[in-house]
N, C-alpha and C. Protein backbone atom coordinates (compact mmCIF):
# COMPACT_ATOMS: atom_id res chain seq x y z
N MET A 1 0.62 -20.12 -8.04
CA MET A 1 0.87 -19.64 -6.70
C MET A 1 2.17 -18.85 -6.61
N ASP A 2 3.05 -19.10 -7.56
CA ASP A 2 4.32 -18.38 -7.59
C ASP A 2 4.12 -16.88 -7.72
N ARG A 3 3.14 -16.48 -8.53
CA ARG A 3 2.84 -15.07 -8.73
C ARG A 3 2.40 -14.42 -7.42
N ILE A 4 1.58 -15.12 -6.66
CA ILE A 4 1.10 -14.59 -5.38
C ILE A 4 2.27 -14.41 -4.41
N ASN A 5 3.16 -15.38 -4.35
CA ASN A 5 4.34 -15.24 -3.48
C ASN A 5 5.21 -14.08 -3.92
N ASN A 6 5.35 -13.88 -5.21
CA ASN A 6 6.10 -12.72 -5.72
C ASN A 6 5.41 -11.42 -5.32
N TYR A 7 4.08 -11.38 -5.42
CA TYR A 7 3.34 -10.19 -5.00
C TYR A 7 3.56 -9.92 -3.51
N ARG A 8 3.51 -10.96 -2.70
CA ARG A 8 3.73 -10.79 -1.25
C ARG A 8 5.09 -10.16 -0.98
N GLN A 9 6.12 -10.70 -1.61
CA GLN A 9 7.47 -10.16 -1.40
C GLN A 9 7.59 -8.72 -1.89
N LEU A 10 7.00 -8.45 -3.05
CA LEU A 10 7.07 -7.10 -3.62
C LEU A 10 6.34 -6.09 -2.74
N ILE A 11 5.16 -6.46 -2.27
CA ILE A 11 4.39 -5.56 -1.40
C ILE A 11 5.20 -5.23 -0.14
N CYS A 12 5.76 -6.25 0.50
CA CYS A 12 6.56 -6.03 1.71
C CYS A 12 7.76 -5.14 1.42
N GLN A 13 8.40 -5.36 0.29
CA GLN A 13 9.57 -4.56 -0.09
C GLN A 13 9.18 -3.09 -0.31
N ILE A 14 8.11 -2.86 -1.05
CA ILE A 14 7.69 -1.49 -1.34
C ILE A 14 7.27 -0.77 -0.06
N ILE A 15 6.50 -1.45 0.79
CA ILE A 15 6.07 -0.81 2.04
C ILE A 15 7.29 -0.54 2.93
N THR A 16 8.20 -1.48 3.04
CA THR A 16 9.40 -1.29 3.87
C THR A 16 10.23 -0.12 3.36
N ASN A 17 10.32 0.04 2.05
CA ASN A 17 11.08 1.17 1.49
C ASN A 17 10.52 2.51 1.95
N HIS A 18 9.23 2.57 2.24
CA HIS A 18 8.63 3.82 2.71
C HIS A 18 8.96 4.13 4.16
N THR A 19 9.54 3.18 4.88
CA THR A 19 9.93 3.43 6.27
C THR A 19 11.32 4.04 6.38
N ILE A 20 12.07 4.04 5.30
CA ILE A 20 13.45 4.52 5.33
C ILE A 20 13.51 6.03 5.51
N ILE A 21 12.64 6.75 4.84
CA ILE A 21 12.63 8.21 4.94
C ILE A 21 11.84 8.61 6.19
N PRO A 22 12.47 9.31 7.13
CA PRO A 22 11.75 9.67 8.36
C PRO A 22 10.61 10.64 8.09
N TYR A 23 9.59 10.56 8.93
CA TYR A 23 8.45 11.47 8.84
C TYR A 23 8.96 12.88 9.12
N LYS A 24 8.46 13.86 8.37
CA LYS A 24 9.08 15.20 8.41
C LYS A 24 8.67 16.05 9.60
N HIS A 25 7.63 15.68 10.33
CA HIS A 25 7.19 16.51 11.47
C HIS A 25 7.10 15.67 12.73
N GLY A 26 7.53 16.24 13.83
CA GLY A 26 7.36 15.61 15.13
C GLY A 26 8.13 14.32 15.31
N ASP A 27 7.73 13.58 16.32
CA ASP A 27 8.35 12.30 16.65
C ASP A 27 7.41 11.19 16.18
N ILE A 28 7.25 11.09 14.87
CA ILE A 28 6.35 10.12 14.26
C ILE A 28 7.18 8.96 13.72
N LYS A 29 6.80 7.75 14.06
CA LYS A 29 7.50 6.54 13.62
C LYS A 29 6.59 5.72 12.70
N PHE A 30 7.21 4.88 11.90
CA PHE A 30 6.48 3.97 11.03
C PHE A 30 6.46 2.58 11.64
N GLU A 31 5.40 1.87 11.38
CA GLU A 31 5.28 0.49 11.84
C GLU A 31 4.65 -0.33 10.72
N THR A 32 5.32 -1.40 10.32
CA THR A 32 4.78 -2.27 9.27
C THR A 32 3.98 -3.40 9.91
N VAL A 33 2.90 -3.77 9.25
CA VAL A 33 2.06 -4.88 9.68
C VAL A 33 1.88 -5.76 8.46
N PHE A 34 2.51 -6.93 8.48
CA PHE A 34 2.46 -7.86 7.34
C PHE A 34 1.77 -9.14 7.78
N ASP A 35 0.63 -9.43 7.22
CA ASP A 35 -0.12 -10.65 7.51
C ASP A 35 -0.25 -11.45 6.22
N SER A 36 0.70 -12.33 5.98
CA SER A 36 0.70 -13.10 4.73
C SER A 36 -0.36 -14.20 4.73
N GLU A 37 -0.89 -14.55 5.89
CA GLU A 37 -1.96 -15.54 5.96
C GLU A 37 -3.26 -14.96 5.42
N SER A 38 -3.55 -13.71 5.77
CA SER A 38 -4.75 -13.02 5.28
C SER A 38 -4.45 -12.15 4.06
N ASP A 39 -3.18 -12.07 3.68
CA ASP A 39 -2.73 -11.22 2.59
C ASP A 39 -3.16 -9.76 2.79
N ARG A 40 -2.81 -9.25 3.96
CA ARG A 40 -3.09 -7.85 4.31
C ARG A 40 -1.78 -7.22 4.77
N TYR A 41 -1.45 -6.06 4.19
CA TYR A 41 -0.16 -5.42 4.43
C TYR A 41 -0.38 -3.93 4.68
N LEU A 42 0.14 -3.44 5.81
CA LEU A 42 -0.11 -2.06 6.22
C LEU A 42 1.19 -1.34 6.58
N LEU A 43 1.18 -0.06 6.35
CA LEU A 43 2.20 0.83 6.90
C LEU A 43 1.48 1.83 7.78
N MET A 44 1.73 1.71 9.08
CA MET A 44 1.09 2.58 10.05
C MET A 44 2.07 3.67 10.46
N LEU A 45 1.52 4.80 10.89
CA LEU A 45 2.35 5.82 11.50
C LEU A 45 1.78 6.14 12.87
N LEU A 46 2.69 6.35 13.82
CA LEU A 46 2.26 6.67 15.16
C LEU A 46 3.33 7.47 15.88
N GLY A 47 2.87 8.33 16.75
CA GLY A 47 3.79 9.16 17.51
C GLY A 47 3.19 10.51 17.84
N ARG A 48 4.04 11.42 18.28
CA ARG A 48 3.58 12.74 18.71
C ARG A 48 4.18 13.84 17.84
N GLU A 49 3.34 14.81 17.59
CA GLU A 49 3.77 16.05 16.96
C GLU A 49 3.23 17.17 17.83
N ASN A 50 4.15 17.89 18.47
CA ASN A 50 3.79 18.87 19.49
C ASN A 50 2.98 18.17 20.57
N LYS A 51 1.78 18.61 20.84
CA LYS A 51 0.99 17.97 21.90
C LYS A 51 -0.06 17.01 21.35
N TYR A 52 -0.01 16.72 20.06
CA TYR A 52 -1.00 15.84 19.44
C TYR A 52 -0.42 14.45 19.17
N TYR A 53 -1.23 13.45 19.42
CA TYR A 53 -0.86 12.07 19.14
C TYR A 53 -1.42 11.68 17.78
N HIS A 54 -0.58 11.06 16.97
CA HIS A 54 -1.00 10.62 15.64
C HIS A 54 -0.95 9.10 15.57
N HIS A 55 -1.97 8.55 14.99
CA HIS A 55 -2.02 7.10 14.76
C HIS A 55 -2.90 6.90 13.53
N GLY A 56 -2.33 6.30 12.49
CA GLY A 56 -3.12 6.10 11.28
C GLY A 56 -2.42 5.21 10.29
N CYS A 57 -3.15 4.93 9.24
CA CYS A 57 -2.66 4.05 8.19
C CYS A 57 -2.22 4.89 7.00
N LEU A 58 -0.98 4.73 6.57
CA LEU A 58 -0.46 5.45 5.41
C LEU A 58 -0.66 4.62 4.14
N ILE A 59 -0.38 3.31 4.22
CA ILE A 59 -0.55 2.41 3.07
C ILE A 59 -1.25 1.14 3.55
N HIS A 60 -2.24 0.71 2.78
CA HIS A 60 -2.93 -0.56 3.05
C HIS A 60 -3.09 -1.26 1.71
N VAL A 61 -2.50 -2.46 1.62
CA VAL A 61 -2.57 -3.25 0.38
C VAL A 61 -3.02 -4.66 0.76
N ASP A 62 -3.98 -5.20 0.00
CA ASP A 62 -4.43 -6.57 0.15
C ASP A 62 -4.18 -7.33 -1.14
N ILE A 63 -4.11 -8.64 -1.05
CA ILE A 63 -4.16 -9.49 -2.23
C ILE A 63 -5.52 -10.18 -2.18
N ILE A 64 -6.36 -9.89 -3.17
CA ILE A 64 -7.71 -10.45 -3.23
C ILE A 64 -7.90 -11.07 -4.60
N ASP A 65 -8.30 -12.33 -4.62
CA ASP A 65 -8.52 -13.05 -5.88
C ASP A 65 -7.33 -12.92 -6.83
N GLY A 66 -6.13 -12.97 -6.28
CA GLY A 66 -4.92 -12.96 -7.09
C GLY A 66 -4.48 -11.60 -7.59
N LYS A 67 -5.18 -10.54 -7.19
CA LYS A 67 -4.82 -9.18 -7.62
C LYS A 67 -4.38 -8.35 -6.42
N ILE A 68 -3.58 -7.34 -6.71
CA ILE A 68 -3.13 -6.40 -5.69
C ILE A 68 -4.20 -5.30 -5.56
N TRP A 69 -4.78 -5.22 -4.39
CA TRP A 69 -5.80 -4.19 -4.10
C TRP A 69 -5.17 -3.12 -3.21
N ILE A 70 -5.09 -1.91 -3.71
CA ILE A 70 -4.59 -0.79 -2.91
C ILE A 70 -5.79 -0.15 -2.23
N GLN A 71 -5.90 -0.37 -0.92
CA GLN A 71 -7.06 0.10 -0.16
C GLN A 71 -6.85 1.52 0.37
N ARG A 72 -5.59 1.85 0.65
CA ARG A 72 -5.25 3.19 1.16
C ARG A 72 -3.87 3.53 0.65
N ASP A 73 -3.72 4.74 0.13
CA ASP A 73 -2.42 5.19 -0.35
C ASP A 73 -2.25 6.65 0.02
N GLY A 74 -1.49 6.89 1.06
CA GLY A 74 -1.24 8.26 1.52
C GLY A 74 0.11 8.78 1.07
N THR A 75 0.69 8.18 0.04
CA THR A 75 2.00 8.61 -0.45
C THR A 75 1.84 9.67 -1.52
N GLU A 76 2.91 10.41 -1.77
CA GLU A 76 2.87 11.47 -2.77
C GLU A 76 2.82 10.93 -4.19
N GLU A 77 3.66 9.96 -4.48
CA GLU A 77 3.78 9.43 -5.85
C GLU A 77 2.74 8.36 -6.16
N GLY A 78 2.33 7.63 -5.16
CA GLY A 78 1.37 6.55 -5.36
C GLY A 78 2.07 5.20 -5.48
N VAL A 79 1.65 4.25 -4.66
CA VAL A 79 2.29 2.94 -4.69
C VAL A 79 1.93 2.17 -5.96
N ALA A 80 0.82 2.50 -6.59
CA ALA A 80 0.47 1.82 -7.85
C ALA A 80 1.57 2.02 -8.88
N THR A 81 2.13 3.20 -8.95
CA THR A 81 3.22 3.45 -9.91
C THR A 81 4.46 2.63 -9.56
N GLU A 82 4.67 2.39 -8.27
CA GLU A 82 5.81 1.56 -7.86
C GLU A 82 5.59 0.10 -8.27
N PHE A 83 4.36 -0.38 -8.14
CA PHE A 83 4.07 -1.75 -8.58
C PHE A 83 4.25 -1.89 -10.08
N VAL A 84 3.79 -0.91 -10.83
CA VAL A 84 3.94 -0.94 -12.29
C VAL A 84 5.42 -0.91 -12.67
N ALA A 85 6.18 -0.04 -12.01
CA ALA A 85 7.62 0.05 -12.29
C ALA A 85 8.34 -1.27 -11.96
N ALA A 86 7.78 -2.03 -11.02
CA ALA A 86 8.38 -3.31 -10.64
C ALA A 86 7.91 -4.45 -11.55
N GLY A 87 7.06 -4.12 -12.53
CA GLY A 87 6.65 -5.13 -13.50
C GLY A 87 5.27 -5.72 -13.33
N VAL A 88 4.49 -5.24 -12.38
CA VAL A 88 3.13 -5.75 -12.20
C VAL A 88 2.24 -5.12 -13.27
N PRO A 89 1.52 -5.94 -14.04
CA PRO A 89 0.62 -5.38 -15.05
C PRO A 89 -0.51 -4.58 -14.40
N LYS A 90 -0.90 -3.50 -15.04
CA LYS A 90 -1.98 -2.67 -14.51
C LYS A 90 -3.27 -3.45 -14.35
N SER A 91 -3.42 -4.49 -15.16
CA SER A 91 -4.62 -5.33 -15.08
C SER A 91 -4.65 -6.17 -13.79
N GLN A 92 -3.56 -6.19 -13.04
CA GLN A 92 -3.47 -6.93 -11.79
C GLN A 92 -3.50 -6.02 -10.55
N ILE A 93 -3.75 -4.73 -10.78
CA ILE A 93 -3.77 -3.74 -9.69
C ILE A 93 -5.15 -3.10 -9.65
N VAL A 94 -5.78 -3.15 -8.48
CA VAL A 94 -7.09 -2.54 -8.28
C VAL A 94 -6.94 -1.39 -7.30
N LEU A 95 -7.45 -0.23 -7.67
CA LEU A 95 -7.45 0.93 -6.77
C LEU A 95 -8.70 0.84 -5.91
N GLY A 96 -8.62 0.06 -4.85
CA GLY A 96 -9.77 -0.20 -4.00
C GLY A 96 -10.34 1.03 -3.32
N PHE A 97 -9.53 2.06 -3.16
CA PHE A 97 -10.01 3.29 -2.51
C PHE A 97 -10.91 4.10 -3.42
N LYS A 98 -11.00 3.72 -4.69
CA LYS A 98 -11.92 4.39 -5.62
C LYS A 98 -13.19 3.56 -5.74
N SER A 99 -14.30 4.22 -5.98
CA SER A 99 -15.57 3.50 -6.16
C SER A 99 -15.49 2.68 -7.45
N PRO A 100 -16.26 1.59 -7.53
CA PRO A 100 -16.25 0.78 -8.76
C PRO A 100 -16.55 1.61 -10.02
N GLU A 101 -17.39 2.59 -9.90
CA GLU A 101 -17.70 3.45 -11.05
C GLU A 101 -16.49 4.26 -11.49
N ARG A 102 -15.73 4.76 -10.51
CA ARG A 102 -14.55 5.59 -10.82
C ARG A 102 -13.37 4.75 -11.30
N ARG A 103 -13.32 3.48 -10.90
CA ARG A 103 -12.24 2.61 -11.34
C ARG A 103 -12.25 2.43 -12.85
N LYS A 104 -13.42 2.52 -13.44
CA LYS A 104 -13.54 2.35 -14.90
C LYS A 104 -12.79 3.46 -15.63
N ASP A 105 -12.61 4.60 -14.99
CA ASP A 105 -11.93 5.74 -15.60
C ASP A 105 -10.42 5.69 -15.44
N THR A 106 -9.91 4.66 -14.76
CA THR A 106 -8.45 4.55 -14.57
C THR A 106 -7.87 3.54 -15.55
N GLU A 107 -6.56 3.46 -15.57
CA GLU A 107 -5.87 2.48 -16.42
C GLU A 107 -5.75 1.14 -15.72
N PHE A 108 -6.23 1.05 -14.49
CA PHE A 108 -6.04 -0.14 -13.69
C PHE A 108 -7.27 -1.03 -13.71
N ALA A 109 -7.17 -2.19 -13.07
CA ALA A 109 -8.27 -3.16 -13.06
C ALA A 109 -9.47 -2.61 -12.31
N VAL A 110 -10.65 -3.04 -12.73
CA VAL A 110 -11.90 -2.63 -12.08
C VAL A 110 -12.10 -3.46 -10.82
N ALA A 111 -11.81 -4.75 -10.90
CA ALA A 111 -11.90 -5.66 -9.73
C ALA A 111 -11.21 -6.96 -10.05
């Protein structure tokens, strides 16, 4: 269970780090949603750019069956690389936004 708690802390840290750099257009703010009971972690963006309202998910990470599942990654570098740099083995990271067939072509876990 220690590994899962470490994953929870690491996910929150990585997502929070993405809130430090302001959004480059309009009056867009970041909002973190951390649900450690369901192991669901989100970085939302919301606000106005000119006359348009924006609301969406930039990063969505779950912990499923003891692995880190990246469900949505709207970052330039990719949060998977941040998890690897923090010491998470690639075998513990699933790119959930890719189909199971395409996951086989990555260096990361299939499921």
